[in-house]
Protein backbone atom coordinates (compact mmCIF):
# COMPACT_ATOMS: atom_id res chain seq x y z
CA UNK A 1 -7.12 -12.12 -18.64
CA UNK A 2 -6.39 -13.55 -15.19
CA UNK A 3 -2.66 -13.54 -15.94
CA UNK A 4 -2.78 -9.87 -16.99
CA UNK A 5 -4.57 -9.04 -13.75
CA UNK A 6 -1.84 -10.73 -11.66
CA UNK A 7 1.06 -9.06 -13.49
CA UNK A 8 2.10 -5.81 -11.76
CA UNK A 9 3.32 -4.25 -15.01
CA UNK A 10 0.03 -4.59 -16.89
CA UNK A 11 -2.43 -1.75 -17.30
CA UNK A 12 -5.20 -4.23 -16.44
CA UNK A 13 -3.64 -4.92 -13.04
CA UNK A 14 -3.09 -1.22 -12.36
CA UNK A 15 -6.66 -0.40 -13.34
CA UNK A 16 -8.17 -3.15 -11.17
CA UNK A 17 -6.03 -2.07 -8.19
CA UNK A 18 -6.89 1.61 -8.71
CA UNK A 19 -3.23 2.58 -9.24
CA UNK A 20 -2.18 5.79 -10.97
CA UNK A 21 0.30 3.91 -13.20
CA UNK A 22 1.87 0.49 -13.68
CA UNK A 23 4.96 -0.78 -11.85
CA UNK A 24 7.13 -3.81 -12.39
CA UNK A 25 7.98 -6.31 -9.66
CA UNK A 26 11.49 -4.87 -9.61
CA UNK A 27 10.19 -1.32 -9.10
CA UNK A 28 7.89 -2.48 -6.34
CA UNK A 29 10.68 -4.37 -4.55
CA UNK A 30 13.05 -1.40 -4.98
CA UNK A 31 10.39 0.93 -3.49
CA UNK A 32 9.87 -1.47 -0.55
CA UNK A 33 13.61 -1.81 0.06
CA UNK A 34 14.32 1.93 -0.23
CA UNK A 35 11.46 2.85 2.11
CA UNK A 36 12.52 0.26 4.70
CA UNK A 37 16.20 1.27 4.49
CA UNK A 38 15.46 5.00 4.80
CA UNK A 39 13.17 4.48 7.78
CA UNK A 40 15.54 2.09 9.54
CA UNK A 41 18.45 4.52 9.18
CA UNK A 42 16.82 7.92 9.66
CA UNK A 43 17.53 10.14 12.65
CA UNK A 44 14.23 9.79 14.51
CA UNK A 45 14.90 12.89 16.61
CA UNK A 46 15.45 15.11 13.56
CA UNK A 47 12.82 13.29 11.43
CA UNK A 48 10.21 11.73 13.73
CA UNK A 49 7.74 10.94 10.93
CA UNK A 50 8.43 7.89 8.76
CA UNK A 51 9.64 8.47 5.19
CA UNK A 52 6.89 7.84 2.64
CA UNK A 53 8.21 7.57 -0.90
CA UNK A 54 5.77 8.20 -3.79
CA UNK A 55 3.58 5.24 -4.70
CA UNK A 56 1.31 4.40 -7.65
CA UNK A 57 -1.69 3.87 -5.39
CA UNK A 58 -3.82 6.75 -4.11
CA UNK A 59 -2.70 8.70 -1.06
CA UNK A 60 -4.11 7.64 2.30
CA UNK A 61 -5.97 10.94 2.57
CA UNK A 62 -7.84 10.20 -0.66
CA UNK A 63 -9.73 7.29 0.95
CA UNK A 64 -13.26 8.30 1.89
CA UNK A 65 -14.43 6.06 4.75
CA UNK A 66 -16.66 7.17 7.60
CA UNK A 67 -15.63 6.27 11.18
CA UNK A 68 -18.66 3.96 11.44
CA UNK A 69 -17.78 2.19 8.19
CA UNK A 70 -14.14 1.88 9.29
CA UNK A 71 -15.25 0.27 12.59
CA UNK A 72 -17.52 -2.16 10.72
CA UNK A 73 -14.75 -3.05 8.24
CA UNK A 74 -12.21 -3.52 11.05
CA UNK A 75 -14.61 -5.83 12.94
CA UNK A 76 -15.24 -7.81 9.74
CA UNK A 77 -11.49 -8.12 9.10
CA UNK A 78 -10.79 -9.26 12.65
CA UNK A 79 -13.58 -11.84 12.45
CA UNK A 80 -12.07 -13.32 9.27
CA UNK A 81 -8.36 -12.86 10.02
CA UNK A 82 -6.06 -15.85 10.39
CA UNK A 83 -3.86 -13.58 12.53
CA UNK A 84 -6.44 -12.77 15.22
CA UNK A 85 -5.02 -11.74 18.56
C-alpha cells in the first residue's frame, strides 16, 4: 500500500494527494520542463503573467483558507522550516 501511495501513476497516490487524475513521473517532469521553458522564454512585456499549464491538482482558487488560518499556517511552517531566513 505504501508503494502505491508513493507511485505518481497510481490512483491511490492521486486520491491521497487530491489530484483530478493520475500522472506518470515522465508526465510530471515534462510539465515542469515545459512550464519552466515557456516562462523563461516568454516576452514579459507582451505576457507579464507567468504561463500556468493545466495540472492534475486543484486550481489555486479552489483552496478555501481564511486569512487568519493562512497566517497561522505560515507561522507554523516558518517555525518548522529548515530553510528559515
